[in-house]
Amino acid sequence: MTDDSEKTLMSFPSMGDTSTAFRFTPGKTTVNEDDESIEEAEAGALVGTVVVFVRYTTAAGDLEPSLTALGRMMADRAQQAQNGSTPSATAPF
């Protein structure tokens, strides 16, 4: 999923058949134009025969709600496609 960065498992709701999420610290310190530290996390889920991964990067410091919304959207879209429906799930922000 990530490079050699330090990874920490994070709480993540169950999605698809199985799912997991990690918070990680990039191998080098990354800052934005306001000199704020950037945080990153990624989640993966197996949905039927499809594996989805989502990476979220923010300087706001609260990764879980956004990562969960994006992960849920991707898992729902994967399931919709496998059910023969046009993927229409969205992520509420």
PDB file of N, CA and C in Angstrom:
ATOM      1  N   MET A   1       0.818  -1.193   0.000  1.00  0.00           N
ATOM      2  CA  MET A   1       0.000   0.000   0.000  1.00  0.00           C
ATOM      3  C   MET A   1       0.861   1.255   0.000  1.00  0.00           C
ATOM      4  N   THR A   2       1.722   1.410   0.951  1.00  0.00           N
ATOM      5  CA  THR A   2       2.558   2.602   0.981  1.00  0.00           C
ATOM      6  C   THR A   2       4.010   2.190   0.815  1.00  0.00           C
ATOM      7  N   ASP A   3       4.877   3.182   0.766  1.00  0.00           N
ATOM      8  CA  ASP A   3       6.296   2.894   0.678  1.00  0.00           C
ATOM      9  C   ASP A   3       6.814   2.462   2.047  1.00  0.00           C
ATOM     10  N   ASP A   4       8.030   2.834   2.394  1.00  0.00           N
ATOM     11  CA  ASP A   4       8.601   2.433   3.673  1.00  0.00           C
ATOM     12  C   ASP A   4       8.217   3.362   4.820  1.00  0.00           C
ATOM     13  N   SER A   5       7.161   4.150   4.654  1.00  0.00           N
ATOM     14  CA  SER A   5       6.719   5.062   5.698  1.00  0.00           C
ATOM     15  C   SER A   5       6.230   4.288   6.917  1.00  0.00           C
ATOM     16  N   GLU A   6       6.258   4.944   8.063  1.00  0.00           N
ATOM     17  CA  GLU A   6       5.731   4.339   9.275  1.00  0.00           C
ATOM     18  C   GLU A   6       4.213   4.307   9.196  1.00  0.00           C
ATOM     19  N   LYS A   7       3.625   3.105   9.371  1.00  0.00           N
ATOM     20  CA  LYS A   7       2.181   2.936   9.244  1.00  0.00           C
ATOM     21  C   LYS A   7       1.577   2.602  10.599  1.00  0.00           C
ATOM     22  N   THR A   8       0.390   3.099  10.851  1.00  0.00           N
ATOM     23  CA  THR A   8      -0.351   2.800  12.063  1.00  0.00           C
ATOM     24  C   THR A   8      -1.771   2.423  11.668  1.00  0.00           C
ATOM     25  N   LEU A   9      -2.222   1.256  12.118  1.00  0.00           N
ATOM     26  CA  LEU A   9      -3.608   0.876  11.854  1.00  0.00           C
ATOM     27  C   LEU A   9      -4.539   1.918  12.443  1.00  0.00           C
ATOM     28  N   MET A  10      -5.608   2.232  11.763  1.00  0.00           N
ATOM     29  CA  MET A  10      -6.570   3.180  12.308  1.00  0.00           C
ATOM     30  C   MET A  10      -7.958   2.551  12.298  1.00  0.00           C
ATOM     31  N   SER A  11      -8.786   3.026  13.182  1.00  0.00           N
ATOM     32  CA  SER A  11     -10.156   2.549  13.271  1.00  0.00           C
ATOM     33  C   SER A  11     -10.873   2.889  11.973  1.00  0.00           C
ATOM     34  N   PHE A  12     -11.586   1.905  11.435  1.00  0.00           N
ATOM     35  CA  PHE A  12     -12.241   2.103  10.152  1.00  0.00           C
ATOM     36  C   PHE A  12     -13.450   1.183  10.105  1.00  0.00           C
ATOM     37  N   PRO A  13     -14.605   1.690   9.709  1.00  0.00           N
ATOM     38  CA  PRO A  13     -15.789   0.836   9.665  1.00  0.00           C
ATOM     39  C   PRO A  13     -15.630  -0.261   8.610  1.00  0.00           C
ATOM     40  N   SER A  14     -16.270  -1.380   8.834  1.00  0.00           N
ATOM     41  CA  SER A  14     -16.222  -2.492   7.900  1.00  0.00           C
ATOM     42  C   SER A  14     -16.861  -2.090   6.579  1.00  0.00           C
ATOM     43  N   MET A  15     -16.172  -2.381   5.486  1.00  0.00           N
ATOM     44  CA  MET A  15     -16.679  -2.087   4.150  1.00  0.00           C
ATOM     45  C   MET A  15     -16.406  -3.280   3.259  1.00  0.00           C
ATOM     46  N   GLY A  16     -17.339  -3.608   2.399  1.00  0.00           N
ATOM     47  CA  GLY A  16     -17.154  -4.726   1.494  1.00  0.00           C
ATOM     48  C   GLY A  16     -17.013  -6.024   2.252  1.00  0.00           C
ATOM     49  N   ASP A  17     -16.270  -6.960   1.673  1.00  0.00           N
ATOM     50  CA  ASP A  17     -16.060  -8.257   2.307  1.00  0.00           C
ATOM     51  C   ASP A  17     -15.025  -8.171   3.421  1.00  0.00           C
ATOM     52  N   THR A  18     -14.041  -7.327   3.236  1.00  0.00           N
ATOM     53  CA  THR A  18     -13.017  -7.086   4.250  1.00  0.00           C
ATOM     54  C   THR A  18     -12.381  -5.736   3.961  1.00  0.00           C
ATOM     55  N   SER A  19     -11.931  -5.052   4.988  1.00  0.00           N
ATOM     56  CA  SER A  19     -11.328  -3.736   4.778  1.00  0.00           C
ATOM     57  C   SER A  19     -10.335  -3.430   5.882  1.00  0.00           C
ATOM     58  N   THR A  20      -9.453  -2.486   5.599  1.00  0.00           N
ATOM     59  CA  THR A  20      -8.467  -2.042   6.569  1.00  0.00           C
ATOM     60  C   THR A  20      -8.054  -0.615   6.219  1.00  0.00           C
ATOM     61  N   ALA A  21      -7.489   0.082   7.184  1.00  0.00           N
ATOM     62  CA  ALA A  21      -7.026   1.450   6.937  1.00  0.00           C
ATOM     63  C   ALA A  21      -5.772   1.717   7.751  1.00  0.00           C
ATOM     64  N   PHE A  22      -4.894   2.531   7.196  1.00  0.00           N
ATOM     65  CA  PHE A  22      -3.648   2.911   7.840  1.00  0.00           C
ATOM     66  C   PHE A  22      -3.471   4.417   7.788  1.00  0.00           C
ATOM     67  N   ARG A  23      -2.961   4.966   8.867  1.00  0.00           N
ATOM     68  CA  ARG A  23      -2.475   6.346   8.906  1.00  0.00           C
ATOM     69  C   ARG A  23      -0.962   6.210   8.769  1.00  0.00           C
ATOM     70  N   PHE A  24      -0.348   7.100   8.026  1.00  0.00           N
ATOM     71  CA  PHE A  24       1.099   6.991   7.904  1.00  0.00           C
ATOM     72  C   PHE A  24       1.762   8.349   7.833  1.00  0.00           C
ATOM     73  N   THR A  25       3.029   8.321   8.166  1.00  0.00           N
ATOM     74  CA  THR A  25       3.865   9.502   8.115  1.00  0.00           C
ATOM     75  C   THR A  25       4.762   9.354   6.896  1.00  0.00           C
ATOM     76  N   PRO A  26       4.702  10.281   5.981  1.00  0.00           N
ATOM     77  CA  PRO A  26       5.565  10.170   4.808  1.00  0.00           C
ATOM     78  C   PRO A  26       7.022  10.055   5.220  1.00  0.00           C
ATOM     79  N   GLY A  27       7.823   9.438   4.371  1.00  0.00           N
ATOM     80  CA  GLY A  27       9.241   9.242   4.667  1.00  0.00           C
ATOM     81  C   GLY A  27       9.979  10.544   4.903  1.00  0.00           C
ATOM     82  N   LYS A  28       9.486  11.630   4.341  1.00  0.00           N
ATOM     83  CA  LYS A  28      10.083  12.936   4.585  1.00  0.00           C
ATOM     84  C   LYS A  28       8.978  13.875   5.036  1.00  0.00           C
ATOM     85  N   THR A  29       9.311  14.896   5.762  1.00  0.00           N
ATOM     86  CA  THR A  29       8.321  15.849   6.230  1.00  0.00           C
ATOM     87  C   THR A  29       7.807  16.650   5.037  1.00  0.00           C
ATOM     88  N   THR A  30       6.510  16.705   4.910  1.00  0.00           N
ATOM     89  CA  THR A  30       5.878  17.429   3.815  1.00  0.00           C
ATOM     90  C   THR A  30       5.062  18.567   4.407  1.00  0.00           C
ATOM     91  N   VAL A  31       5.207  19.740   3.876  1.00  0.00           N
ATOM     92  CA  VAL A  31       4.415  20.873   4.353  1.00  0.00           C
ATOM     93  C   VAL A  31       3.772  21.563   3.163  1.00  0.00           C
ATOM     94  N   ASN A  32       2.662  22.227   3.424  1.00  0.00           N
ATOM     95  CA  ASN A  32       2.017  22.976   2.346  1.00  0.00           C
ATOM     96  C   ASN A  32       2.498  24.423   2.366  1.00  0.00           C
ATOM     97  N   GLU A  33       1.870  25.253   1.541  1.00  0.00           N
ATOM     98  CA  GLU A  33       2.313  26.652   1.438  1.00  0.00           C
ATOM     99  C   GLU A  33       2.132  27.437   2.741  1.00  0.00           C
ATOM    100  N   ASP A  34       1.258  26.966   3.656  1.00  0.00           N
ATOM    101  CA  ASP A  34       1.073  27.624   4.948  1.00  0.00           C
ATOM    102  C   ASP A  34       1.946  27.013   6.030  1.00  0.00           C
ATOM    103  N   ASP A  35       2.891  26.159   5.618  1.00  0.00           N
ATOM    104  CA  ASP A  35       3.827  25.499   6.522  1.00  0.00           C
ATOM    105  C   ASP A  35       3.109  24.601   7.539  1.00  0.00           C
ATOM    106  N   GLU A  36       1.994  23.988   7.115  1.00  0.00           N
ATOM    107  CA  GLU A  36       1.277  23.036   7.954  1.00  0.00           C
ATOM    108  C   GLU A  36       1.711  21.630   7.577  1.00  0.00           C
ATOM    109  N   SER A  37       1.824  20.768   8.565  1.00  0.00           N
ATOM    110  CA  SER A  37       2.181  19.377   8.292  1.00  0.00           C
ATOM    111  C   SER A  37       1.046  18.692   7.549  1.00  0.00           C
ATOM    112  N   ILE A  38       1.407  17.854   6.637  1.00  0.00           N
ATOM    113  CA  ILE A  38       0.453  17.087   5.853  1.00  0.00           C
ATOM    114  C   ILE A  38       0.316  15.706   6.486  1.00  0.00           C
ATOM    115  N   GLU A  39      -0.930  15.244   6.660  1.00  0.00           N
ATOM    116  CA  GLU A  39      -1.190  13.905   7.157  1.00  0.00           C
ATOM    117  C   GLU A  39      -1.784  13.082   6.029  1.00  0.00           C
ATOM    118  N   GLU A  40      -1.462  11.788   6.029  1.00  0.00           N
ATOM    119  CA  GLU A  40      -1.984  10.916   4.982  1.00  0.00           C
ATOM    120  C   GLU A  40      -2.513   9.626   5.591  1.00  0.00           C
ATOM    121  N   ALA A  41      -3.487   9.049   4.911  1.00  0.00           N
ATOM    122  CA  ALA A  41      -4.030   7.757   5.310  1.00  0.00           C
ATOM    123  C   ALA A  41      -4.565   7.084   4.066  1.00  0.00           C
ATOM    124  N   GLU A  42      -4.627   5.764   4.114  1.00  0.00           N
ATOM    125  CA  GLU A  42      -5.221   5.046   3.000  1.00  0.00           C
ATOM    126  C   GLU A  42      -6.020   3.873   3.523  1.00  0.00           C
ATOM    127  N   ALA A  43      -7.013   3.519   2.751  1.00  0.00           N
ATOM    128  CA  ALA A  43      -7.895   2.415   3.116  1.00  0.00           C
ATOM    129  C   ALA A  43      -8.025   1.503   1.913  1.00  0.00           C
ATOM    130  N   GLY A  44      -8.204   0.232   2.203  1.00  0.00           N
ATOM    131  CA  GLY A  44      -8.412  -0.746   1.149  1.00  0.00           C
ATOM    132  C   GLY A  44      -9.577  -1.633   1.514  1.00  0.00           C
ATOM    133  N   ALA A  45     -10.297  -2.084   0.522  1.00  0.00           N
ATOM    134  CA  ALA A  45     -11.425  -2.985   0.758  1.00  0.00           C
ATOM    135  C   ALA A  45     -11.526  -3.974  -0.389  1.00  0.00           C
ATOM    136  N   LEU A  46     -11.911  -5.183  -0.043  1.00  0.00           N
ATOM    137  CA  LEU A  46     -12.238  -6.203  -1.033  1.00  0.00           C
ATOM    138  C   LEU A  46     -13.752  -6.225  -1.137  1.00  0.00           C
ATOM    139  N   VAL A  47     -14.262  -5.982  -2.338  1.00  0.00           N
ATOM    140  CA  VAL A  47     -15.703  -5.961  -2.582  1.00  0.00           C
ATOM    141  C   VAL A  47     -15.972  -6.960  -3.701  1.00  0.00           C
ATOM    142  N   GLY A  48     -16.440  -8.137  -3.341  1.00  0.00           N
ATOM    143  CA  GLY A  48     -16.630  -9.183  -4.343  1.00  0.00           C
ATOM    144  C   GLY A  48     -15.306  -9.539  -4.978  1.00  0.00           C
ATOM    145  N   THR A  49     -15.166  -9.266  -6.283  1.00  0.00           N
ATOM    146  CA  THR A  49     -13.919  -9.557  -6.991  1.00  0.00           C
ATOM    147  C   THR A  49     -13.081  -8.313  -7.247  1.00  0.00           C
ATOM    148  N   VAL A  50     -13.461  -7.204  -6.639  1.00  0.00           N
ATOM    149  CA  VAL A  50     -12.769  -5.930  -6.861  1.00  0.00           C
ATOM    150  C   VAL A  50     -12.062  -5.484  -5.581  1.00  0.00           C
ATOM    151  N   VAL A  51     -10.819  -5.030  -5.737  1.00  0.00           N
ATOM    152  CA  VAL A  51     -10.074  -4.445  -4.628  1.00  0.00           C
ATOM    153  C   VAL A  51     -10.001  -2.943  -4.882  1.00  0.00           C
ATOM    154  N   VAL A  52     -10.413  -2.151  -3.894  1.00  0.00           N
ATOM    155  CA  VAL A  52     -10.342  -0.689  -4.021  1.00  0.00           C
ATOM    156  C   VAL A  52      -9.402  -0.130  -2.964  1.00  0.00           C
ATOM    157  N   PHE A  53      -8.636   0.883  -3.346  1.00  0.00           N
ATOM    158  CA  PHE A  53      -7.772   1.595  -2.428  1.00  0.00           C
ATOM    159  C   PHE A  53      -8.043   3.082  -2.563  1.00  0.00           C
ATOM    160  N   VAL A  54      -8.052   3.763  -1.447  1.00  0.00           N
ATOM    161  CA  VAL A  54      -8.258   5.207  -1.426  1.00  0.00           C
ATOM    162  C   VAL A  54      -7.177   5.812  -0.542  1.00  0.00           C
ATOM    163  N   ARG A  55      -6.531   6.854  -1.029  1.00  0.00           N
ATOM    164  CA  ARG A  55      -5.552   7.590  -0.214  1.00  0.00           C
ATOM    165  C   ARG A  55      -6.090   9.003  -0.028  1.00  0.00           C
ATOM    166  N   TYR A  56      -6.010   9.499   1.201  1.00  0.00           N
ATOM    167  CA  TYR A  56      -6.480  10.849   1.499  1.00  0.00           C
ATOM    168  C   TYR A  56      -5.353  11.619   2.169  1.00  0.00           C
ATOM    169  N   THR A  57      -5.127  12.836   1.710  1.00  0.00           N
ATOM    170  CA  THR A  57      -4.084  13.707   2.242  1.00  0.00           C
ATOM    171  C   THR A  57      -4.723  15.010   2.686  1.00  0.00           C
ATOM    172  N   THR A  58      -4.356  15.487   3.883  1.00  0.00           N
ATOM    173  CA  THR A  58      -4.942  16.725   4.386  1.00  0.00           C
ATOM    174  C   THR A  58      -3.972  17.444   5.322  1.00  0.00           C
ATOM    175  N   ALA A  59      -4.172  18.734   5.452  1.00  0.00           N
ATOM    176  CA  ALA A  59      -3.466  19.513   6.452  1.00  0.00           C
ATOM    177  C   ALA A  59      -4.408  19.854   7.595  1.00  0.00           C
ATOM    178  N   ALA A  60      -5.676  19.479   7.455  1.00  0.00           N
ATOM    179  CA  ALA A  60      -6.688  19.813   8.462  1.00  0.00           C
ATOM    180  C   ALA A  60      -6.550  18.971   9.722  1.00  0.00           C
ATOM    181  N   GLY A  61      -5.947  17.794   9.624  1.00  0.00           N
ATOM    182  CA  GLY A  61      -5.692  16.992  10.808  1.00  0.00           C
ATOM    183  C   GLY A  61      -6.768  15.989  11.179  1.00  0.00           C
ATOM    184  N   ASP A  62      -7.889  15.936  10.473  1.00  0.00           N
ATOM    185  CA  ASP A  62      -8.940  14.985  10.818  1.00  0.00           C
ATOM    186  C   ASP A  62      -9.188  14.087   9.611  1.00  0.00           C
ATOM    187  N   LEU A  63      -8.438  12.994   9.544  1.00  0.00           N
ATOM    188  CA  LEU A  63      -8.489  12.113   8.385  1.00  0.00           C
ATOM    189  C   LEU A  63      -9.697  11.195   8.343  1.00  0.00           C
ATOM    190  N   GLU A  64     -10.134  10.697   9.509  1.00  0.00           N
ATOM    191  CA  GLU A  64     -11.118   9.619   9.532  1.00  0.00           C
ATOM    192  C   GLU A  64     -12.429   9.904   8.800  1.00  0.00           C
ATOM    193  N   PRO A  65     -13.100  11.031   9.038  1.00  0.00           N
ATOM    194  CA  PRO A  65     -14.393  11.234   8.367  1.00  0.00           C
ATOM    195  C   PRO A  65     -14.282  11.256   6.842  1.00  0.00           C
ATOM    196  N   SER A  66     -13.287  11.932   6.323  1.00  0.00           N
ATOM    197  CA  SER A  66     -13.142  12.028   4.876  1.00  0.00           C
ATOM    198  C   SER A  66     -12.700  10.706   4.267  1.00  0.00           C
ATOM    199  N   LEU A  67     -11.748  10.027   4.907  1.00  0.00           N
ATOM    200  CA  LEU A  67     -11.305   8.737   4.401  1.00  0.00           C
ATOM    201  C   LEU A  67     -12.449   7.734   4.426  1.00  0.00           C
ATOM    202  N   THR A  68     -13.250   7.758   5.476  1.00  0.00           N
ATOM    203  CA  THR A  68     -14.407   6.856   5.572  1.00  0.00           C
ATOM    204  C   THR A  68     -15.410   7.147   4.468  1.00  0.00           C
ATOM    205  N   ALA A  69     -15.706   8.416   4.224  1.00  0.00           N
ATOM    206  CA  ALA A  69     -16.666   8.790   3.173  1.00  0.00           C
ATOM    207  C   ALA A  69     -16.169   8.350   1.795  1.00  0.00           C
ATOM    208  N   LEU A  70     -14.892   8.577   1.509  1.00  0.00           N
ATOM    209  CA  LEU A  70     -14.344   8.179   0.217  1.00  0.00           C
ATOM    210  C   LEU A  70     -14.275   6.659   0.084  1.00  0.00           C
ATOM    211  N   GLY A  71     -13.871   5.985   1.150  1.00  0.00           N
ATOM    212  CA  GLY A  71     -13.819   4.523   1.129  1.00  0.00           C
ATOM    213  C   GLY A  71     -15.187   3.914   0.919  1.00  0.00           C
ATOM    214  N   ARG A  72     -16.193   4.438   1.616  1.00  0.00           N
ATOM    215  CA  ARG A  72     -17.562   3.940   1.472  1.00  0.00           C
ATOM    216  C   ARG A  72     -18.056   4.161   0.038  1.00  0.00           C
ATOM    217  N   MET A  73     -17.769   5.333  -0.532  1.00  0.00           N
ATOM    218  CA  MET A  73     -18.189   5.607  -1.891  1.00  0.00           C
ATOM    219  C   MET A  73     -17.554   4.613  -2.862  1.00  0.00           C
ATOM    220  N   MET A  74     -16.261   4.371  -2.741  1.00  0.00           N
ATOM    221  CA  MET A  74     -15.586   3.445  -3.646  1.00  0.00           C
ATOM    222  C   MET A  74     -16.111   2.020  -3.489  1.00  0.00           C
ATOM    223  N   ALA A  75     -16.333   1.578  -2.246  1.00  0.00           N
ATOM    224  CA  ALA A  75     -16.863   0.234  -2.009  1.00  0.00           C
ATOM    225  C   ALA A  75     -18.277   0.110  -2.579  1.00  0.00           C
ATOM    226  N   ASP A  76     -19.109   1.120  -2.370  1.00  0.00           N
ATOM    227  CA  ASP A  76     -20.472   1.096  -2.893  1.00  0.00           C
ATOM    228  C   ASP A  76     -20.481   1.081  -4.424  1.00  0.00           C
ATOM    229  N   ARG A  77     -19.601   1.884  -5.047  1.00  0.00           N
ATOM    230  CA  ARG A  77     -19.526   1.914  -6.505  1.00  0.00           C
ATOM    231  C   ARG A  77     -19.059   0.570  -7.068  1.00  0.00           C
ATOM    232  N   ALA A  78     -18.096  -0.043  -6.386  1.00  0.00           N
ATOM    233  CA  ALA A  78     -17.624  -1.361  -6.834  1.00  0.00           C
ATOM    234  C   ALA A  78     -18.757  -2.379  -6.764  1.00  0.00           C
ATOM    235  N   GLN A  79     -19.549  -2.330  -5.695  1.00  0.00           N
ATOM    236  CA  GLN A  79     -20.667  -3.260  -5.556  1.00  0.00           C
ATOM    237  C   GLN A  79     -21.747  -2.978  -6.592  1.00  0.00           C
ATOM    238  N   GLN A  80     -22.042  -1.707  -6.831  1.00  0.00           N
ATOM    239  CA  GLN A  80     -23.046  -1.347  -7.829  1.00  0.00           C
ATOM    240  C   GLN A  80     -22.642  -1.864  -9.210  1.00  0.00           C
ATOM    241  N   ALA A  81     -21.373  -1.692  -9.571  1.00  0.00           N
ATOM    242  CA  ALA A  81     -20.898  -2.147 -10.878  1.00  0.00           C
ATOM    243  C   ALA A  81     -21.005  -3.663 -10.997  1.00  0.00           C
ATOM    244  N   GLN A  82     -20.660  -4.375  -9.929  1.00  0.00           N
ATOM    245  CA  GLN A  82     -20.745  -5.834  -9.969  1.00  0.00           C
ATOM    246  C   GLN A  82     -22.192  -6.325 -10.012  1.00  0.00           C
ATOM    247  N   ASN A  83     -23.104  -5.520  -9.507  1.00  0.00           N
ATOM    248  CA  ASN A  83     -24.526  -5.872  -9.558  1.00  0.00           C
ATOM    249  C   ASN A  83     -25.150  -5.518 -10.905  1.00  0.00           C
ATOM    250  N   GLY A  84     -24.364  -4.919 -11.812  1.00  0.00           N
ATOM    251  CA  GLY A  84     -24.857  -4.568 -13.130  1.00  0.00           C
ATOM    252  C   GLY A  84     -25.496  -3.192 -13.196  1.00  0.00           C
ATOM    253  N   SER A  85     -25.381  -2.425 -12.117  1.00  0.00           N
ATOM    254  CA  SER A  85     -25.942  -1.070 -12.080  1.00  0.00           C
ATOM    255  C   SER A  85     -24.872  -0.055 -12.471  1.00  0.00           C
ATOM    256  N   THR A  86     -25.305   1.093 -12.929  1.00  0.00           N
ATOM    257  CA  THR A  86     -24.368   2.182 -13.166  1.00  0.00           C
ATOM    258  C   THR A  86     -23.916   2.719 -11.808  1.00  0.00           C
ATOM    259  N   PRO A  87     -22.591   2.753 -11.552  1.00  0.00           N
ATOM    260  CA  PRO A  87     -22.120   3.263 -10.261  1.00  0.00           C
ATOM    261  C   PRO A  87     -22.575   4.706 -10.046  1.00  0.00           C
ATOM    262  N   SER A  88     -23.245   4.949  -8.928  1.00  0.00           N
ATOM    263  CA  SER A  88     -23.793   6.283  -8.656  1.00  0.00           C
ATOM    264  C   SER A  88     -23.527   6.762  -7.237  1.00  0.00           C
ATOM    265  N   ALA A  89     -22.856   5.957  -6.422  1.00  0.00           N
ATOM    266  CA  ALA A  89     -22.608   6.360  -5.021  1.00  0.00           C
ATOM    267  C   ALA A  89     -21.742   7.623  -5.001  1.00  0.00           C
ATOM    268  N   THR A  90     -22.025   8.485  -4.042  1.00  0.00           N
ATOM    269  CA  THR A  90     -21.262   9.718  -3.864  1.00  0.00           C
ATOM    270  C   THR A  90     -20.718   9.789  -2.443  1.00  0.00           C
ATOM    271  N   ALA A  91     -19.767  10.678  -2.239  1.00  0.00           N
ATOM    272  CA  ALA A  91     -19.181  10.889  -0.913  1.00  0.00           C
ATOM    273  C   ALA A  91     -19.685  12.219  -0.369  1.00  0.00           C
ATOM    274  N   PRO A  92     -20.364  12.203   0.781  1.00  0.00           N
ATOM    275  CA  PRO A  92     -20.848  13.455   1.355  1.00  0.00           C
ATOM    276  C   PRO A  92     -19.700  14.213   2.043  1.00  0.00           C
ATOM    277  N   PHE A  93     -19.551  15.475   1.695  1.00  0.00           N
ATOM    278  CA  PHE A  93     -18.548  16.328   2.360  1.00  0.00           C
ATOM    279  C   PHE A  93     -19.199  17.581   2.826  1.00  0.00           C
TER     280      PHE A  93
END
